[in-house]
Amino acid sequence: DAFGQHTARDGVYDRDAGRDRTIALAKDYYANIVLPFGAQVQKLLGQASGLDIRMIAPSHGLILTDTIGDVIAKYDQWSKNQTYPKLAVIIYDTMWQSTEKMAFAIAEGLNQEGAAFKLLNLKLNHRSDIMTEVLDAKAIVFGSSTINNGMMPSMADVLCYMKGLRPTGKLGVAFGSYGWSGEAVKHITDVLTEMKFKVLNGGLRVRFAPTPEDLEKIRLAAPATAPA
């Protein structure tokens, strides 16, 4: 399975897809299949060190000839859990756009701090694409409205999926709006703690629609969620 990709439409060889496309496909595959097996990848790379590798023919996807060095270097980076220290991923779902406004305020705060970020709405992004972004990000920020005393089903889905892939070395924080009880932030924080994320604070909560004053506080608090 190592060095594969989820594709059957990009040709037979990596040169058919091109370098950038091949590496993007390899990243998606690693994040969603190989991620829990970093120790085994490191062992494999050690065993293969010094070999004159001219072709890698994986079980899935493109045959590698032109990008072997690039893909092996990426596997070494990913299997060591190396991240981009200034990259944060904001993952959220919202019922009435209140949590979304909080997500935008966090993004504005990170932007003012000079931290690179990706903003991912769970209604628009599949969990496998989210994991590809999470793979080399340092800080992951999770936002959900509270529904039935819990988090949004889409957030529970992505957290369950992420938990099975066992990302390590991540910073995490939760946020969300609520009407009555506001348990979503606590439940997300509990899952992040269980996944051994470094939880940066107790989370950011706003009751009902955030006011301009609420959003300003969130913008000012956002740098605390920024990766160093």
Protein backbone atom coordinates (compact mmCIF):
# COMPACT_ATOMS: atom_id res chain seq x y z
CA ASP A 1 0.00 0.00 0.00
CA ALA A 2 2.90 2.42 0.58
CA PHE A 3 3.45 5.20 -1.98
CA GLY A 4 0.01 4.71 -3.55
CA GLN A 5 -2.68 7.19 -4.49
CA HIS A 6 -6.45 7.15 -4.90
CA THR A 7 -6.61 7.68 -8.65
CA ALA A 8 -7.42 5.79 -11.82
CA ARG A 9 -7.72 8.76 -14.17
CA ASP A 10 -4.30 10.44 -14.14
CA GLY A 11 -2.48 8.03 -16.45
CA VAL A 12 -0.22 5.11 -15.66
CA TYR A 13 3.01 6.86 -14.65
CA ASP A 14 3.71 9.88 -12.45
CA ARG A 15 4.95 11.79 -15.51
CA ASP A 16 1.43 11.51 -16.94
CA ALA A 17 0.02 13.43 -13.98
CA GLY A 18 3.00 15.73 -13.38
CA ARG A 19 5.02 16.28 -10.23
CA ASP A 20 2.63 18.57 -8.32
CA ARG A 21 -0.41 16.40 -9.01
CA THR A 22 1.48 13.23 -8.05
CA ILE A 23 2.61 14.68 -4.72
CA ALA A 24 -0.89 16.01 -3.99
CA LEU A 25 -2.34 12.55 -4.63
CA ALA A 26 0.35 10.95 -2.46
CA LYS A 27 -0.43 13.37 0.37
CA ASP A 28 -4.15 12.62 0.23
CA TYR A 29 -3.44 8.88 0.28
CA TYR A 30 -0.96 9.11 3.15
CA ALA A 31 -3.29 11.25 5.28
CA ASN A 32 -6.26 8.88 4.89
CA ILE A 33 -4.59 5.46 4.75
CA VAL A 34 -0.98 5.40 5.91
CA LEU A 35 -1.00 8.01 8.71
CA PRO A 36 -1.35 5.54 11.65
CA PHE A 37 1.68 3.59 10.44
CA GLY A 38 4.44 6.18 10.68
CA ALA A 39 6.75 3.88 12.64
CA GLN A 40 6.46 1.19 9.96
CA VAL A 41 7.14 3.78 7.24
CA GLN A 42 10.29 4.91 9.03
CA LYS A 43 11.42 1.29 9.30
CA LEU A 44 10.79 0.75 5.59
CA LEU A 45 12.67 3.90 4.62
CA GLY A 46 15.59 2.80 6.76
CA GLN A 47 15.67 -0.62 5.11
CA ALA A 48 15.52 0.96 1.64
CA SER A 49 18.19 3.56 2.34
CA GLY A 50 21.02 3.35 -0.17
CA LEU A 51 19.09 1.33 -2.73
CA ASP A 52 19.10 2.55 -6.33
CA ILE A 53 15.33 2.72 -6.72
CA ARG A 54 14.26 3.33 -10.31
CA MET A 55 10.57 2.45 -10.09
CA ILE A 56 7.91 2.10 -7.41
CA ALA A 57 4.79 0.26 -8.55
CA PRO A 58 2.21 0.57 -5.71
CA SER A 59 -0.98 -1.41 -5.38
CA HIS A 60 -3.04 1.75 -6.04
CA GLY A 61 -2.52 4.59 -8.47
CA LEU A 62 0.44 5.83 -10.48
CA ILE A 63 3.72 4.05 -11.05
CA LEU A 64 6.51 6.29 -9.77
CA THR A 65 9.63 6.89 -11.85
CA ASP A 66 10.26 10.65 -12.09
CA THR A 67 9.10 11.63 -8.58
CA ILE A 68 10.59 8.83 -6.48
CA GLY A 69 12.94 11.15 -4.57
CA ASP A 70 10.21 13.72 -3.98
CA VAL A 71 7.67 11.21 -2.72
CA ILE A 72 10.16 9.41 -0.48
CA ALA A 73 11.19 12.76 1.03
CA LYS A 74 7.53 13.57 1.72
CA TYR A 75 6.95 10.15 3.30
CA ASP A 76 9.93 10.79 5.57
CA GLN A 77 8.47 14.17 6.58
CA TRP A 78 4.92 12.89 7.11
CA SER A 79 5.98 9.77 9.02
CA LYS A 80 7.99 11.96 11.41
CA ASN A 81 4.87 14.09 12.00
CA GLN A 82 6.65 17.20 10.77
CA THR A 83 4.33 20.16 10.38
CA TYR A 84 4.39 23.67 8.98
CA PRO A 85 4.75 25.66 12.21
CA LYS A 86 2.71 28.64 10.98
CA LEU A 87 -0.20 26.66 9.50
CA ALA A 88 -3.58 26.38 11.24
CA VAL A 89 -6.70 24.61 9.95
CA ILE A 90 -10.12 25.91 11.05
CA ILE A 91 -12.80 23.20 10.71
CA TYR A 92 -16.40 24.13 11.48
CA ASP A 93 -20.10 23.54 10.95
CA THR A 94 -22.84 26.03 11.70
CA MET A 95 -26.62 26.06 12.03
CA TRP A 96 -27.55 29.73 11.70
CA GLN A 97 -24.16 31.23 10.75
CA SER A 98 -23.29 32.27 14.31
CA THR A 99 -20.50 29.71 14.62
CA GLU A 100 -19.43 30.62 11.09
CA LYS A 101 -19.05 34.26 12.12
CA MET A 102 -16.83 33.07 14.96
CA ALA A 103 -14.76 31.04 12.49
CA PHE A 104 -14.30 34.10 10.28
CA ALA A 105 -13.27 36.18 13.32
CA ILE A 106 -10.67 33.56 14.27
CA ALA A 107 -9.38 33.60 10.69
CA GLU A 108 -9.12 37.40 10.80
CA GLY A 109 -7.20 37.21 14.06
CA LEU A 110 -4.80 34.62 12.66
CA ASN A 111 -4.32 36.69 9.53
CA GLN A 112 -3.44 39.73 11.63
CA GLU A 113 -0.93 37.56 13.49
CA GLY A 114 0.65 36.54 10.18
CA ALA A 115 -0.24 32.85 10.64
CA ALA A 116 -1.19 30.92 7.52
CA PHE A 117 -4.55 29.16 7.79
CA LYS A 118 -7.14 27.11 5.92
CA LEU A 119 -10.85 27.65 6.60
CA LEU A 120 -12.92 24.48 6.00
CA ASN A 121 -16.73 24.36 6.21
CA LEU A 122 -17.90 20.79 6.87
CA LYS A 123 -20.88 21.34 4.59
CA LEU A 124 -18.48 21.93 1.69
CA ASN A 125 -15.46 19.74 2.48
CA HIS A 126 -15.30 15.94 2.74
CA ARG A 127 -13.60 14.44 5.78
CA SER A 128 -10.88 12.85 3.63
CA ASP A 129 -9.97 16.26 2.15
CA ILE A 130 -9.94 17.71 5.65
CA MET A 131 -7.49 15.04 6.82
CA THR A 132 -5.20 15.91 3.92
CA GLU A 133 -5.07 19.50 5.21
CA VAL A 134 -4.64 18.34 8.81
CA LEU A 135 -1.66 16.11 7.92
CA ASP A 136 1.02 18.81 8.00
CA ALA A 137 -0.79 21.56 9.96
CA LYS A 138 0.36 22.39 13.49
CA ALA A 139 -2.84 23.85 14.98
CA ILE A 140 -6.36 22.52 14.38
CA VAL A 141 -9.33 24.67 15.43
CA PHE A 142 -12.74 22.97 15.64
CA GLY A 143 -16.04 24.86 15.67
CA SER A 144 -19.56 23.56 16.15
CA SER A 145 -22.95 24.80 17.19
CA THR A 146 -24.61 22.90 20.03
CA ILE A 147 -27.50 20.64 19.02
CA ASN A 148 -29.34 18.25 21.36
CA ASN A 149 -26.72 18.90 24.07
CA GLY A 150 -23.91 17.84 21.75
CA MET A 151 -21.87 18.81 18.73
CA MET A 152 -23.12 18.86 15.15
CA PRO A 153 -23.26 15.35 13.57
CA SER A 154 -20.80 16.43 10.89
CA MET A 155 -18.26 17.43 13.54
CA ALA A 156 -18.76 14.15 15.42
CA ASP A 157 -18.18 12.33 12.12
CA VAL A 158 -14.91 14.08 11.30
CA LEU A 159 -13.60 13.71 14.85
CA CYS A 160 -14.40 9.99 14.85
CA TYR A 161 -12.64 9.62 11.49
CA MET A 162 -9.64 11.65 12.66
CA LYS A 163 -9.36 9.70 15.90
CA GLY A 164 -8.99 6.45 13.95
CA LEU A 165 -6.12 7.91 11.91
CA ARG A 166 -4.29 9.00 15.09
CA PRO A 167 -2.61 12.30 14.13
CA THR A 168 0.04 13.32 16.66
CA GLY A 169 1.86 16.46 17.73
CA LYS A 170 -1.12 18.77 17.12
CA LEU A 171 -2.37 21.83 18.96
CA GLY A 172 -6.15 21.97 19.32
CA VAL A 173 -8.90 24.35 20.39
CA ALA A 174 -12.72 24.29 20.19
CA PHE A 175 -15.25 27.06 19.65
CA GLY A 176 -18.97 27.44 18.99
CA SER A 177 -22.22 29.27 19.56
CA TYR A 178 -25.19 27.93 21.49
CA GLY A 179 -28.70 28.79 22.58
CA TRP A 180 -29.40 26.85 25.78
CA SER A 181 -26.59 24.76 27.14
CA GLY A 182 -23.47 24.95 24.95
CA GLU A 183 -21.96 21.48 25.46
CA ALA A 184 -20.44 21.21 21.97
CA VAL A 185 -17.23 23.01 22.92
CA LYS A 186 -16.73 20.81 25.98
CA HIS A 187 -17.39 17.59 24.03
CA ILE A 188 -14.95 18.60 21.29
CA THR A 189 -12.33 19.51 23.89
CA ASP A 190 -12.79 16.12 25.56
CA VAL A 191 -12.18 14.33 22.25
CA LEU A 192 -9.09 16.43 21.53
CA THR A 193 -7.74 15.60 24.98
CA GLU A 194 -8.42 11.91 24.35
CA MET A 195 -6.51 12.16 21.06
CA LYS A 196 -3.59 13.67 23.02
CA PHE A 197 -3.78 17.04 21.30
CA LYS A 198 -2.23 19.90 23.22
CA VAL A 199 -5.44 21.74 24.09
CA LEU A 200 -4.64 25.44 24.16
CA ASN A 201 -7.54 26.67 26.30
CA GLY A 202 -11.00 25.74 27.46
CA GLY A 203 -12.54 26.85 24.20
CA LEU A 204 -14.42 29.88 22.93
CA ARG A 205 -18.21 30.01 23.44
CA VAL A 206 -20.82 32.62 22.51
CA ARG A 207 -24.49 32.46 23.43
CA PHE A 208 -26.87 33.22 20.56
CA ALA A 209 -25.62 35.35 17.65
CA PRO A 210 -22.24 36.93 18.36
CA THR A 211 -22.30 40.68 18.80
CA PRO A 212 -19.63 42.95 17.29
CA GLU A 213 -18.08 43.04 20.76
CA ASP A 214 -18.02 39.22 20.90
CA LEU A 215 -16.33 39.02 17.48
CA GLU A 216 -13.73 41.58 18.49
CA LYS A 217 -12.90 39.52 21.60
CA ILE A 218 -12.57 36.42 19.42
CA ARG A 219 -10.29 38.24 16.98
CA LEU A 220 -8.10 39.31 19.89
CA ALA A 221 -8.12 35.80 21.35
CA ALA A 222 -7.30 34.13 18.02
CA PRO A 223 -3.50 34.62 18.23
CA ALA A 224 -3.53 32.29 21.24
CA THR A 225 -4.63 29.56 18.83
CA ALA A 226 -1.86 30.37 16.34
CA PRO A 227 0.95 27.84 15.99
CA ALA A 228 4.34 29.17 17.08
